[in-house]
Amino acid sequence: MDHNAVADGGVPRTRIPLAILLLVGGFLLVIGGGWYILKSTQQNMPLQSASALADYGSVPDISLVERSGKTMSLGELKGDIWVASFIFTRCGGSCPAMSMKMKDLQESLSKAGGARLVSFTVDPDNDTPERLAEYAKTYQADQNKWLFMTGSRQQMQDLAKNSFHLAIEEGTDPKEPIIHSKRFILIDQEGTIRGYYDSEDAEAKQKLLGDIGTLLRGDGR
């Protein structure tokens, strides 16, 4: 009997073959080396900007009529960040709530010099500049910060559907005879659509304000 293979008390010791020890050690070395290489690679990879915003296409440079009666090209908004909405003054459903949210945005953005608001009517046959002016007063809209725009029926349909990619259709509810999107849209200084936000979602408002800040810092690309 091999006395070196017996522990005190007569219990046999377990002897681990040298080949197994070498195999396990080599495996751990490979794993450790692989982790080190992966870590080094990650540290040297260029970081993608977490603040990069999407690009949904450009707003057309068309001429519309503002509530003041002045004809204005959307190209004149270049250089400014702006938030768009689509509403109409005889709407008794979603539009008052949307316009209240826009009023709240106006207050939140009062110190952000480059940010403006633009509300487009989806009911140009009824929403004359005079009617839009009365509607704007209801929400204390600053005429320099918050614009209300109208144009021909074809212009407003094309703008909503083809440029902003929003649906518009006739409704059956007397309070909402025109069904339209409730989203706010963010446009950057170059006239590029950068985001869509649910006007009914409080978290979406914070996201919108954060994205406006990103654009103001020039970090959106």
Protein backbone atom coordinates (compact mmCIF):
# COMPACT_ATOMS: atom_id res chain seq x y z
CA MET A 1 0.00 0.00 0.00
CA ASP A 2 1.21 3.48 -0.88
CA HIS A 3 1.42 5.32 2.48
CA ASN A 4 1.70 8.68 0.73
CA ALA A 5 -1.81 8.17 -0.74
CA VAL A 6 -3.42 7.74 2.73
CA ALA A 7 -4.38 10.73 4.86
CA ASP A 8 -4.21 10.81 8.67
CA GLY A 9 -6.95 8.57 10.04
CA GLY A 10 -6.70 6.06 7.21
CA VAL A 11 -8.76 8.02 4.59
CA PRO A 12 -7.27 7.77 1.09
CA ARG A 13 -6.13 11.07 -0.46
CA THR A 14 -7.33 12.08 -3.96
CA ARG A 15 -4.38 12.65 -6.25
CA ILE A 16 -5.12 15.00 -9.26
CA PRO A 17 -3.08 14.02 -12.29
CA LEU A 18 -0.64 16.68 -13.49
CA ALA A 19 -2.11 16.58 -17.01
CA ILE A 20 -5.53 17.67 -15.71
CA LEU A 21 -4.00 20.55 -13.74
CA LEU A 22 -2.18 21.75 -16.83
CA LEU A 23 -5.36 21.49 -18.93
CA VAL A 24 -7.47 23.50 -16.46
CA GLY A 25 -4.76 26.14 -16.09
CA GLY A 26 -4.51 26.53 -19.85
CA PHE A 27 -8.26 26.89 -20.17
CA LEU A 28 -8.39 29.64 -17.55
CA LEU A 29 -5.51 31.43 -19.28
CA VAL A 30 -7.37 31.39 -22.60
CA ILE A 31 -10.57 32.70 -20.99
CA GLY A 32 -8.72 35.48 -19.19
CA GLY A 33 -6.84 36.49 -22.31
CA GLY A 34 -10.03 36.57 -24.34
CA TRP A 35 -11.73 38.81 -21.78
CA TYR A 36 -8.77 41.18 -21.81
CA ILE A 37 -8.81 41.43 -25.61
CA LEU A 38 -12.58 42.04 -25.64
CA LYS A 39 -12.28 44.73 -22.97
CA SER A 40 -9.46 46.47 -24.82
CA THR A 41 -11.40 46.37 -28.08
CA GLN A 42 -14.47 47.91 -26.48
CA GLN A 43 -12.42 50.67 -24.92
CA ASN A 44 -10.90 51.58 -28.27
CA MET A 45 -14.15 51.45 -30.29
CA PRO A 46 -15.60 54.85 -31.27
CA LEU A 47 -18.72 55.64 -29.25
CA GLN A 48 -21.97 56.33 -31.11
CA SER A 49 -23.67 59.47 -29.88
CA ALA A 50 -26.53 58.56 -27.56
CA SER A 51 -28.19 61.88 -28.44
CA ALA A 52 -28.34 61.33 -32.22
CA LEU A 53 -31.85 62.05 -33.53
CA ALA A 54 -33.65 60.44 -36.44
CA ASP A 55 -34.06 62.04 -39.88
CA TYR A 56 -37.62 61.84 -41.26
CA GLY A 57 -37.11 64.08 -44.26
CA SER A 58 -37.34 67.80 -44.95
CA VAL A 59 -40.22 70.22 -44.65
CA PRO A 60 -41.04 71.85 -48.02
CA ASP A 61 -40.41 75.54 -48.56
CA ILE A 62 -44.00 76.48 -49.28
CA SER A 63 -45.75 79.81 -48.72
CA LEU A 64 -48.68 79.88 -46.29
CA VAL A 65 -50.67 82.61 -44.54
CA GLU A 66 -50.06 83.33 -40.88
CA ARG A 67 -52.85 84.49 -38.53
CA SER A 68 -51.53 88.04 -38.88
CA GLY A 69 -52.49 87.91 -42.57
CA LYS A 70 -48.86 87.90 -43.62
CA THR A 71 -47.75 85.43 -46.29
CA MET A 72 -44.82 83.47 -44.95
CA SER A 73 -42.58 80.79 -46.39
CA LEU A 74 -41.66 77.85 -44.19
CA GLY A 75 -38.12 78.42 -45.40
CA GLU A 76 -38.10 81.53 -43.20
CA LEU A 77 -38.06 79.23 -40.19
CA LYS A 78 -34.63 77.89 -41.10
CA GLY A 79 -32.16 78.69 -38.37
CA ASP A 80 -34.82 78.04 -35.73
CA ILE A 81 -35.88 74.85 -34.01
CA TRP A 82 -39.65 74.49 -34.08
CA VAL A 83 -42.43 72.20 -32.95
CA ALA A 84 -45.41 71.64 -35.25
CA SER A 85 -48.97 70.53 -34.55
CA PHE A 86 -52.06 70.08 -36.71
CA ILE A 87 -55.35 71.44 -35.31
CA PHE A 88 -58.53 73.24 -36.36
CA THR A 89 -60.52 75.88 -34.52
CA ARG A 90 -64.00 74.25 -34.58
CA CYS A 91 -62.63 71.03 -33.13
CA GLY A 92 -64.20 70.20 -29.78
CA GLY A 93 -62.24 66.99 -29.24
CA SER A 94 -58.46 66.66 -29.24
CA CYS A 95 -57.50 70.15 -30.47
CA PRO A 96 -58.19 72.15 -27.28
CA ALA A 97 -56.12 69.66 -25.29
CA MET A 98 -53.31 69.79 -27.88
CA SER A 99 -53.32 73.58 -27.89
CA MET A 100 -53.17 73.66 -24.09
CA LYS A 101 -50.13 71.40 -24.30
CA MET A 102 -48.61 73.76 -26.87
CA LYS A 103 -49.28 76.66 -24.50
CA ASP A 104 -47.46 74.71 -21.80
CA LEU A 105 -44.58 74.14 -24.22
CA GLN A 106 -44.49 77.87 -24.98
CA GLU A 107 -44.00 78.53 -21.27
CA SER A 108 -41.37 75.80 -20.94
CA LEU A 109 -39.48 77.15 -23.95
CA SER A 110 -39.71 80.82 -23.00
CA LYS A 111 -36.00 80.88 -22.16
CA ALA A 112 -34.91 78.83 -25.19
CA GLY A 113 -34.22 81.58 -27.70
CA GLY A 114 -34.12 79.38 -30.80
CA ALA A 115 -37.32 77.34 -30.30
CA ARG A 116 -40.69 78.25 -31.87
CA LEU A 117 -44.13 76.66 -32.23
CA VAL A 118 -46.22 76.35 -35.38
CA SER A 119 -49.85 75.17 -35.51
CA PHE A 120 -51.19 74.24 -38.96
CA THR A 121 -54.92 74.06 -39.58
CA VAL A 122 -56.39 70.97 -41.23
CA ASP A 123 -59.60 72.94 -41.91
CA PRO A 124 -58.49 75.84 -44.14
CA ASP A 125 -61.98 76.32 -45.63
CA ASN A 126 -63.16 77.55 -42.22
CA ASP A 127 -59.97 78.66 -40.51
CA THR A 128 -59.33 82.09 -41.95
CA PRO A 129 -56.41 84.13 -40.58
CA GLU A 130 -58.93 86.13 -38.54
CA ARG A 131 -60.39 83.02 -36.97
CA LEU A 132 -56.93 81.64 -36.24
CA ALA A 133 -56.03 84.96 -34.59
CA GLU A 134 -59.01 84.68 -32.24
CA TYR A 135 -58.12 81.07 -31.50
CA ALA A 136 -54.51 82.05 -30.75
CA LYS A 137 -55.67 84.63 -28.21
CA THR A 138 -57.47 81.90 -26.29
CA TYR A 139 -54.10 80.26 -25.60
CA GLN A 140 -52.09 83.45 -25.07
CA ALA A 141 -49.95 82.58 -28.07
CA ASP A 142 -46.95 84.90 -28.43
CA GLN A 143 -47.10 86.08 -32.06
CA ASN A 144 -43.31 86.00 -32.30
CA LYS A 145 -42.96 82.52 -30.82
CA TRP A 146 -46.13 80.65 -31.81
CA LEU A 147 -47.38 80.84 -35.39
CA PHE A 148 -50.76 79.72 -36.78
CA MET A 149 -50.71 78.86 -40.47
CA THR A 150 -53.32 78.26 -43.16
CA GLY A 151 -53.34 77.86 -46.92
CA SER A 152 -55.32 76.16 -49.63
CA ARG A 153 -57.02 72.84 -48.88
CA GLN A 154 -54.59 71.05 -51.19
CA GLN A 155 -51.56 72.68 -49.54
CA MET A 156 -52.62 71.67 -46.04
CA GLN A 157 -53.50 68.12 -47.09
CA ASP A 158 -50.16 67.69 -48.88
CA LEU A 159 -48.24 69.19 -45.97
CA ALA A 160 -49.78 66.86 -43.41
CA LYS A 161 -49.83 63.67 -45.47
CA ASN A 162 -46.80 63.91 -47.75
CA SER A 163 -44.36 66.06 -45.80
CA PHE A 164 -45.15 65.25 -42.16
CA HIS A 165 -46.39 61.71 -42.92
CA LEU A 166 -49.58 62.13 -40.86
CA ALA A 167 -53.06 60.81 -41.59
CA ILE A 168 -56.10 63.08 -42.09
CA GLU A 169 -59.61 61.89 -42.82
CA GLU A 170 -63.23 62.90 -42.41
CA GLY A 171 -64.81 61.98 -39.09
CA THR A 172 -68.38 61.27 -37.98
CA ASP A 173 -68.20 62.79 -34.49
CA PRO A 174 -69.68 66.34 -34.50
CA LYS A 175 -67.01 67.36 -32.02
CA GLU A 176 -64.25 66.01 -34.28
CA PRO A 177 -65.45 66.26 -37.91
CA ILE A 178 -61.86 65.92 -39.08
CA ILE A 179 -59.68 63.11 -37.71
CA HIS A 180 -56.00 64.04 -37.52
CA SER A 181 -52.83 63.16 -35.67
CA LYS A 182 -52.37 64.23 -32.05
CA ARG A 183 -48.60 64.14 -32.30
CA PHE A 184 -46.17 67.02 -32.01
CA ILE A 185 -43.35 67.09 -34.54
CA LEU A 186 -39.83 68.41 -33.97
CA ILE A 187 -38.06 70.22 -36.82
CA ASP A 188 -34.41 71.27 -36.62
CA GLN A 189 -32.59 74.40 -37.79
CA GLU A 190 -32.18 72.98 -41.31
CA GLY A 191 -35.87 72.20 -41.77
CA THR A 192 -35.45 68.46 -41.14
CA ILE A 193 -38.07 66.49 -39.20
CA ARG A 194 -36.28 64.92 -36.23
CA GLY A 195 -38.98 63.38 -34.02
CA TYR A 196 -42.65 62.64 -33.27
CA TYR A 197 -44.17 62.90 -29.80
CA ASP A 198 -47.56 61.90 -28.40
CA SER A 199 -49.16 65.11 -27.12
CA GLU A 200 -51.12 63.11 -24.53
CA ASP A 201 -48.02 61.54 -22.97
CA ALA A 202 -46.30 63.49 -20.17
CA GLU A 203 -43.09 61.49 -20.64
CA ALA A 204 -43.12 62.35 -24.35
CA LYS A 205 -43.12 66.04 -23.45
CA GLN A 206 -39.96 65.57 -21.39
CA LYS A 207 -38.40 63.66 -24.27
CA LEU A 208 -39.34 66.49 -26.64
CA LEU A 209 -37.79 69.12 -24.37
CA GLY A 210 -34.67 66.99 -24.04
CA ASP A 211 -34.39 66.62 -27.82
CA ILE A 212 -34.82 70.38 -28.27
CA GLY A 213 -31.94 70.85 -25.85
CA THR A 214 -29.88 68.38 -27.89
CA LEU A 215 -30.50 70.41 -31.07
CA LEU A 216 -29.73 73.69 -29.32
CA ARG A 217 -26.36 72.25 -28.30
CA GLY A 218 -25.72 71.07 -31.84
CA ASP A 219 -25.51 67.42 -30.77
CA GLY A 220 -28.36 65.96 -32.81
CA ARG A 221 -26.36 64.41 -35.67
